[in-house]
C-alpha atoms as a PDB file:
ATOM      1  CA  MET A   1      87.503  73.278  42.663  1.00  0.00           C
ATOM      2  CA  GLY A   2      87.717  72.420  46.239  1.00  0.00           C
ATOM      3  CA  GLN A   3      85.195  73.047  48.742  1.00  0.00           C
ATOM      4  CA  LYS A   4      82.711  76.107  48.824  1.00  0.00           C
ATOM      5  CA  VAL A   5      83.105  78.242  51.495  1.00  0.00           C
ATOM      6  CA  LEU A   6      81.006  77.976  54.761  1.00  0.00           C
ATOM      7  CA  ARG A   7      79.128  80.338  56.657  1.00  0.00           C
ATOM      8  CA  SER A   8      80.492  79.380  59.738  1.00  0.00           C
ATOM      9  CA  GLU A   9      84.088  80.195  58.701  1.00  0.00           C
ATOM     10  CA  LEU A  10      83.068  83.971  58.435  1.00  0.00           C
ATOM     11  CA  LEU A  11      83.716  86.163  60.852  1.00  0.00           C
ATOM     12  CA  ASP A  12      81.920  89.322  61.423  1.00  0.00           C
ATOM     13  CA  TYR A  13      83.255  92.561  59.757  1.00  0.00           C
ATOM     14  CA  VAL A  14      84.515  93.876  63.318  1.00  0.00           C
ATOM     15  CA  THR A  15      86.534  90.749  63.402  1.00  0.00           C
ATOM     16  CA  TRP A  16      87.988  90.280  60.447  1.00  0.00           C
ATOM     17  CA  SER A  17      89.119  93.963  60.359  1.00  0.00           C
ATOM     18  CA  GLU A  18      91.205  93.254  62.895  1.00  0.00           C
ATOM     19  CA  ARG A  19      92.591  90.154  61.862  1.00  0.00           C
ATOM     20  CA  LYS A  20      92.790  90.632  57.955  1.00  0.00           C
ATOM     21  CA  SER A  21      96.305  92.244  57.973  1.00  0.00           C
ATOM     22  CA  SER A  22      97.090  88.442  59.266  1.00  0.00           C
ATOM     23  CA  VAL A  23      96.349  86.507  56.805  1.00  0.00           C
ATOM     24  CA  TYR A  24      97.049  89.514  53.689  1.00  0.00           C
ATOM     25  CA  ALA A  25     100.385  87.943  52.235  1.00  0.00           C
ATOM     26  CA  GLN A  26      98.852  84.430  52.703  1.00  0.00           C
ATOM     27  CA  VAL A  27      95.888  85.409  50.412  1.00  0.00           C
ATOM     28  CA  ARG A  28      97.905  87.422  47.831  1.00  0.00           C
ATOM     29  CA  ALA A  29     100.162  84.869  47.275  1.00  0.00           C
ATOM     30  CA  ALA A  30      97.585  82.118  46.558  1.00  0.00           C
ATOM     31  CA  LYS A  31      95.856  84.820  44.080  1.00  0.00           C
ATOM     32  CA  ALA A  32      99.229  85.715  42.425  1.00  0.00           C
ATOM     33  CA  VAL A  33      99.773  81.562  41.880  1.00  0.00           C
ATOM     34  CA  ARG A  34      96.389  81.697  40.265  1.00  0.00           C
ATOM     35  CA  ARG A  35      96.468  84.192  37.884  1.00  0.00           C
ATOM     36  CA  ILE A  36      97.100  83.515  34.415  1.00  0.00           C
ATOM     37  CA  HIS A  37      97.997  85.190  31.458  1.00  0.00           C
ATOM     38  CA  VAL A  38      96.775  84.610  27.857  1.00  0.00           C
ATOM     39  CA  GLY A  39      98.096  86.832  25.506  1.00  0.00           C
ATOM     40  CA  GLU A  40      98.583  90.442  26.217  1.00  0.00           C
ATOM     41  CA  THR A  41      94.533  90.744  27.036  1.00  0.00           C
ATOM     42  CA  LEU A  42      93.111  87.854  28.487  1.00  0.00           C
ATOM     43  CA  THR A  43      93.579  87.292  32.218  1.00  0.00           C
ATOM     44  CA  PHE A  44      92.332  84.142  34.080  1.00  0.00           C
ATOM     45  CA  LEU A  45      91.803  84.771  37.651  1.00  0.00           C
ATOM     46  CA  PHE A  46      91.145  80.765  39.245  1.00  0.00           C
ATOM     47  CA  GLU A  47      89.432  81.012  42.652  1.00  0.00           C
ATOM     48  CA  ASN A  48      89.597  78.694  46.057  1.00  0.00           C
ATOM     49  CA  ALA A  49      87.695  78.791  48.742  1.00  0.00           C
ATOM     50  CA  GLN A  50      90.389  80.859  50.537  1.00  0.00           C
ATOM     51  CA  THR A  51      90.784  83.272  47.687  1.00  0.00           C
ATOM     52  CA  VAL A  52      86.779  83.562  47.879  1.00  0.00           C
ATOM     53  CA  ARG A  53      86.326  83.577  52.077  1.00  0.00           C
ATOM     54  CA  TYR A  54      88.795  86.497  51.811  1.00  0.00           C
ATOM     55  CA  GLN A  55      86.304  88.653  48.672  1.00  0.00           C
ATOM     56  CA  ILE A  56      83.396  87.896  51.105  1.00  0.00           C
ATOM     57  CA  GLN A  57      85.194  89.187  53.975  1.00  0.00           C
ATOM     58  CA  GLU A  58      85.958  92.268  52.699  1.00  0.00           C
ATOM     59  CA  MET A  59      82.683  92.447  50.954  1.00  0.00           C
ATOM     60  CA  MET A  60      81.251  92.357  54.181  1.00  0.00           C
ATOM     61  CA  ARG A  61      84.056  94.766  55.657  1.00  0.00           C
ATOM     62  CA  VAL A  62      83.727  97.769  52.868  1.00  0.00           C
ATOM     63  CA  GLU A  63      79.667  96.952  53.109  1.00  0.00           C
ATOM     64  CA  LYS A  64      79.175  96.262  56.829  1.00  0.00           C
ATOM     65  CA  ILE A  65      77.808  93.988  55.949  1.00  0.00           C
ATOM     66  CA  VAL A  66      75.637  91.869  59.069  1.00  0.00           C
ATOM     67  CA  LYS A  67      72.692  90.806  58.252  1.00  0.00           C
ATOM     68  CA  GLU A  68      71.888  87.302  57.532  1.00  0.00           C
ATOM     69  CA  ALA A  69      70.429  87.134  53.933  1.00  0.00           C
ATOM     70  CA  ASP A  70      73.220  89.422  52.924  1.00  0.00           C
ATOM     71  CA  ILE A  71      75.735  87.500  53.942  1.00  0.00           C
ATOM     72  CA  GLU A  72      74.084  84.322  52.416  1.00  0.00           C
ATOM     73  CA  HIS A  73      73.688  86.131  49.370  1.00  0.00           C
ATOM     74  CA  GLU A  74      76.722  87.416  49.455  1.00  0.00           C
ATOM     75  CA  LEU A  75      78.241  83.926  50.468  1.00  0.00           C
ATOM     76  CA  THR A  76      75.764  82.480  47.513  1.00  0.00           C
ATOM     77  CA  THR A  77      77.767  84.591  45.060  1.00  0.00           C
ATOM     78  CA  TYR A  78      81.078  84.372  45.755  1.00  0.00           C
ATOM     79  CA  ASN A  79      80.701  80.244  45.972  1.00  0.00           C
ATOM     80  CA  GLU A  80      79.520  80.096  42.144  1.00  0.00           C
ATOM     81  CA  LEU A  81      83.009  81.769  41.978  1.00  0.00           C
ATOM     82  CA  ILE A  82      84.510  77.959  42.896  1.00  0.00           C
ATOM     83  CA  GLY A  83      83.788  74.812  40.149  1.00  0.00           C
ATOM     84  CA  GLY A  84      82.445  71.944  41.138  1.00  0.00           C
ATOM     85  CA  PRO A  85      83.436  68.336  41.866  1.00  0.00           C
ATOM     86  CA  GLY A  86      85.883  68.062  38.340  1.00  0.00           C
ATOM     87  CA  GLU A  87      85.637  71.533  37.691  1.00  0.00           C
ATOM     88  CA  MET A  88      88.032  74.651  37.500  1.00  0.00           C
ATOM     89  CA  GLY A  89      86.480  78.072  38.169  1.00  0.00           C
ATOM     90  CA  CYS A  90      87.468  81.457  37.657  1.00  0.00           C
ATOM     91  CA  VAL A  91      87.094  84.984  36.477  1.00  0.00           C
ATOM     92  CA  LEU A  92      87.837  85.633  33.744  1.00  0.00           C
ATOM     93  CA  LEU A  93      89.392  89.869  33.099  1.00  0.00           C
ATOM     94  CA  ILE A  94      89.655  91.109  29.801  1.00  0.00           C
ATOM     95  CA  GLU A  95      92.078  93.657  29.997  1.00  0.00           C
ATOM     96  CA  ILE A  96      91.838  96.583  27.127  1.00  0.00           C
ATOM     97  CA  PRO A  97      93.789  99.973  28.912  1.00  0.00           C
ATOM     98  CA  ASP A  98      92.109 102.235  26.299  1.00  0.00           C
ATOM     99  CA  PRO A  99      88.208 102.698  25.965  1.00  0.00           C
ATOM    100  CA  ASP A 100      88.044 103.158  22.565  1.00  0.00           C
ATOM    101  CA  ARG A 101      89.830  99.921  21.587  1.00  0.00           C
ATOM    102  CA  ARG A 102      87.975  98.252  24.026  1.00  0.00           C
ATOM    103  CA  ASP A 103      84.855  99.382  23.123  1.00  0.00           C
ATOM    104  CA  VAL A 104      85.334  98.350  19.238  1.00  0.00           C
ATOM    105  CA  LEU A 105      87.007  94.623  20.642  1.00  0.00           C
ATOM    106  CA  LEU A 106      84.189  93.795  23.299  1.00  0.00           C
ATOM    107  CA  LYS A 107      81.754  94.426  20.284  1.00  0.00           C
ATOM    108  CA  LYS A 108      83.930  92.259  18.250  1.00  0.00           C
ATOM    109  CA  TRP A 109      84.927  89.621  20.496  1.00  0.00           C
ATOM    110  CA  LEU A 110      81.119  88.459  21.149  1.00  0.00           C
ATOM    111  CA  ARG A 111      81.806  84.636  20.636  1.00  0.00           C
ATOM    112  CA  LEU A 112      85.537  84.682  22.557  1.00  0.00           C
ATOM    113  CA  PRO A 113      83.642  82.536  25.641  1.00  0.00           C
ATOM    114  CA  TYR A 114      83.231  80.105  22.838  1.00  0.00           C
ATOM    115  CA  HIS A 115      87.085  79.910  21.484  1.00  0.00           C
ATOM    116  CA  LEU A 116      88.009  79.358  25.074  1.00  0.00           C
ATOM    117  CA  TYR A 117      89.959  76.175  26.786  1.00  0.00           C
ATOM    118  CA  VAL A 118      91.630  74.214  28.880  1.00  0.00           C
ATOM    119  CA  LYS A 119      94.252  71.582  27.305  1.00  0.00           C
ATOM    120  CA  PHE A 120      95.622  68.349  28.445  1.00  0.00           C
ATOM    121  CA  GLU A 121      98.510  66.527  27.958  1.00  0.00           C
ATOM    122  CA  ASP A 122      97.463  64.473  25.736  1.00  0.00           C
ATOM    123  CA  GLY A 123      96.472  67.469  23.331  1.00  0.00           C
ATOM    124  CA  THR A 124      92.849  67.035  23.677  1.00  0.00           C
ATOM    125  CA  ARG A 125      90.863  70.161  24.721  1.00  0.00           C
ATOM    126  CA  VAL A 126      87.790  71.005  27.012  1.00  0.00           C
ATOM    127  CA  GLY A 127      86.099  74.624  26.413  1.00  0.00           C
ATOM    128  CA  ALA A 128      84.619  76.683  28.994  1.00  0.00           C
ATOM    129  CA  SER A 129      81.238  76.567  30.321  1.00  0.00           C
ATOM    130  CA  PHE A 130      79.875  80.264  31.133  1.00  0.00           C
ATOM    131  CA  ASP A 131      77.085  82.749  32.049  1.00  0.00           C
ATOM    132  CA  GLU A 132      74.929  83.557  29.286  1.00  0.00           C
ATOM    133  CA  ARG A 133      73.823  86.480  30.496  1.00  0.00           C
ATOM    134  CA  GLN A 134      77.506  88.442  30.310  1.00  0.00           C
ATOM    135  CA  ILE A 135      76.830  88.146  26.420  1.00  0.00           C
ATOM    136  CA  GLY A 136      74.852  90.711  25.803  1.00  0.00           C
ATOM    137  CA  GLU A 137      73.100  90.822  21.734  1.00  0.00           C
ATOM    138  CA  THR A 138      75.985  93.889  20.555  1.00  0.00           C
ATOM    139  CA  ARG A 139      78.735  93.546  23.137  1.00  0.00           C
ATOM    140  CA  LEU A 140      80.720  91.639  25.704  1.00  0.00           C
ATOM    141  CA  SER A 141      80.987  92.143  29.712  1.00  0.00           C
ATOM    142  CA  SER A 142      84.609  92.393  30.051  1.00  0.00           C
ATOM    143  CA  VAL A 143      84.209  90.025  32.923  1.00  0.00           C
ATOM    144  CA  GLN A 144      83.252  86.801  32.658  1.00  0.00           C
ATOM    145  CA  TYR A 145      82.670  84.333  34.968  1.00  0.00           C
ATOM    146  CA  LEU A 146      84.124  80.879  33.800  1.00  0.00           C
ATOM    147  CA  LYS A 147      84.194  76.712  34.676  1.00  0.00           C
ATOM    148  CA  PHE A 148      86.153  74.174  32.501  1.00  0.00           C
ATOM    149  CA  ASP A 149      84.940  70.466  33.559  1.00  0.00           C
ATOM    150  CA  THR A 150      88.113  68.821  33.517  1.00  0.00           C
ATOM    151  CA  SER A 151      86.424  65.636  34.883  1.00  0.00           C
ATOM    152  CA  GLY A 152      89.368  65.758  37.810  1.00  0.00           C
ATOM    153  CA  ARG A 153      91.829  66.007  35.169  1.00  0.00           C
ATOM    154  CA  MET A 154      94.591  68.757  35.699  1.00  0.00           C
ATOM    155  CA  PRO A 155      95.737  70.585  32.197  1.00  0.00           C
ATOM    156  CA  VAL A 156      98.868  71.630  31.154  1.00  0.00           C
ATOM    157  CA  ALA A 157      97.869  74.594  29.736  1.00  0.00           C
ATOM    158  CA  ILE A 158      94.305  77.047  28.966  1.00  0.00           C
ATOM    159  CA  GLY A 159      93.798  79.386  25.799  1.00  0.00           C
ATOM    160  CA  CYS A 160      91.576  81.256  23.320  1.00  0.00           C
ATOM    161  CA  ASP A 161      91.460  80.152  19.458  1.00  0.00           C
ATOM    162  CA  LEU A 162      89.220  83.148  18.837  1.00  0.00           C
ATOM    163  CA  GLU A 163      90.718  83.776  14.692  1.00  0.00           C
ATOM    164  CA  GLU A 164      91.662  87.422  16.130  1.00  0.00           C
ATOM    165  CA  TYR A 165      93.318  86.324  19.038  1.00  0.00           C
ATOM    166  CA  CYS A 166      95.024  83.319  19.440  1.00  0.00           C
ATOM    167  CA  HIS A 167      97.348  82.566  22.648  1.00  0.00           C
ATOM    168  CA  GLU A 168      98.142  80.165  24.351  1.00  0.00           C
ATOM    169  CA  ASN A 169     100.183  79.533  27.486  1.00  0.00           C
ATOM    170  CA  THR A 170     101.363  76.578  29.622  1.00  0.00           C
ATOM    171  CA  LEU A 171     101.299  76.422  32.641  1.00  0.00           C
ATOM    172  CA  THR A 172     104.237  76.915  35.175  1.00  0.00           C
ATOM    173  CA  ALA A 173     104.514  74.350  37.612  1.00  0.00           C
ATOM    174  CA  GLU A 174     104.306  76.285  40.015  1.00  0.00           C
ATOM    175  CA  GLN A 175     100.802  77.082  38.721  1.00  0.00           C
ATOM    176  CA  ALA A 176      99.915  73.476  37.974  1.00  0.00           C
ATOM    177  CA  VAL A 177     100.532  72.400  41.994  1.00  0.00           C
ATOM    178  CA  ALA A 178      98.525  75.187  43.374  1.00  0.00           C
ATOM    179  CA  LEU A 179      95.176  74.395  41.218  1.00  0.00           C
ATOM    180  CA  GLN A 180      95.948  70.195  41.114  1.00  0.00           C
ATOM    181  CA  ALA A 181      95.586  70.915  45.212  1.00  0.00           C
ATOM    182  CA  ASP A 182      92.061  72.704  43.930  1.00  0.00           C
ATOM    183  CA  LEU A 183      90.831  70.578  41.945  1.00  0.00           C
ATOM    184  CA  VAL A 184      88.088  67.317  43.578  1.00  0.00           C
ATOM    185  CA  ASP A 185      88.029  64.635  41.519  1.00  0.00           C
ATOM    186  CA  PRO A 186      84.554  64.023  40.763  1.00  0.00           C
ATOM    187  CA  ALA A 187      85.073  60.395  41.811  1.00  0.00           C
ATOM    188  CA  ASN A 188      85.984  61.195  45.415  1.00  0.00           C
ATOM    189  CA  ALA A 189      83.465  64.113  45.639  1.00  0.00           C
END
């Protein structure tokens, strides 16, 4: 994806509180076009510097973070959501409203992250890389942090080929434009 958020771009939480409303609509629109549903249960939230900057600023505001070490921690943590050169970074939400059903499926779908992919126009696929710590011995976390190393190529679809949850969603033109703008060609990084 694109650039990481720099410390110099962050405002103190008081200044941010005063300016937040002026950027909210833009960030909301950026997040909406980067929200991709695959089936009824999986939602991929692709991140870029704009969406991550907003999240960091909101954490600083809500938690009233002022210590430089704490700000740096938030910066490092949230910047991990943005893919590096040739990568697309996202948060996967496994959205199962019923707690009993969710508990059953998060145990049953333990191998789900191994079955997530982006697909290119020629039909080839690239699987997700993910944080192994989010997969327990017996249960999967309902929030996963993923990256797809596309080598700078733009996918046309995103999907899951888990036997009991096979779904694929073709990107809309608007989604493709937004994600393409975020994708950094590794040769030019």
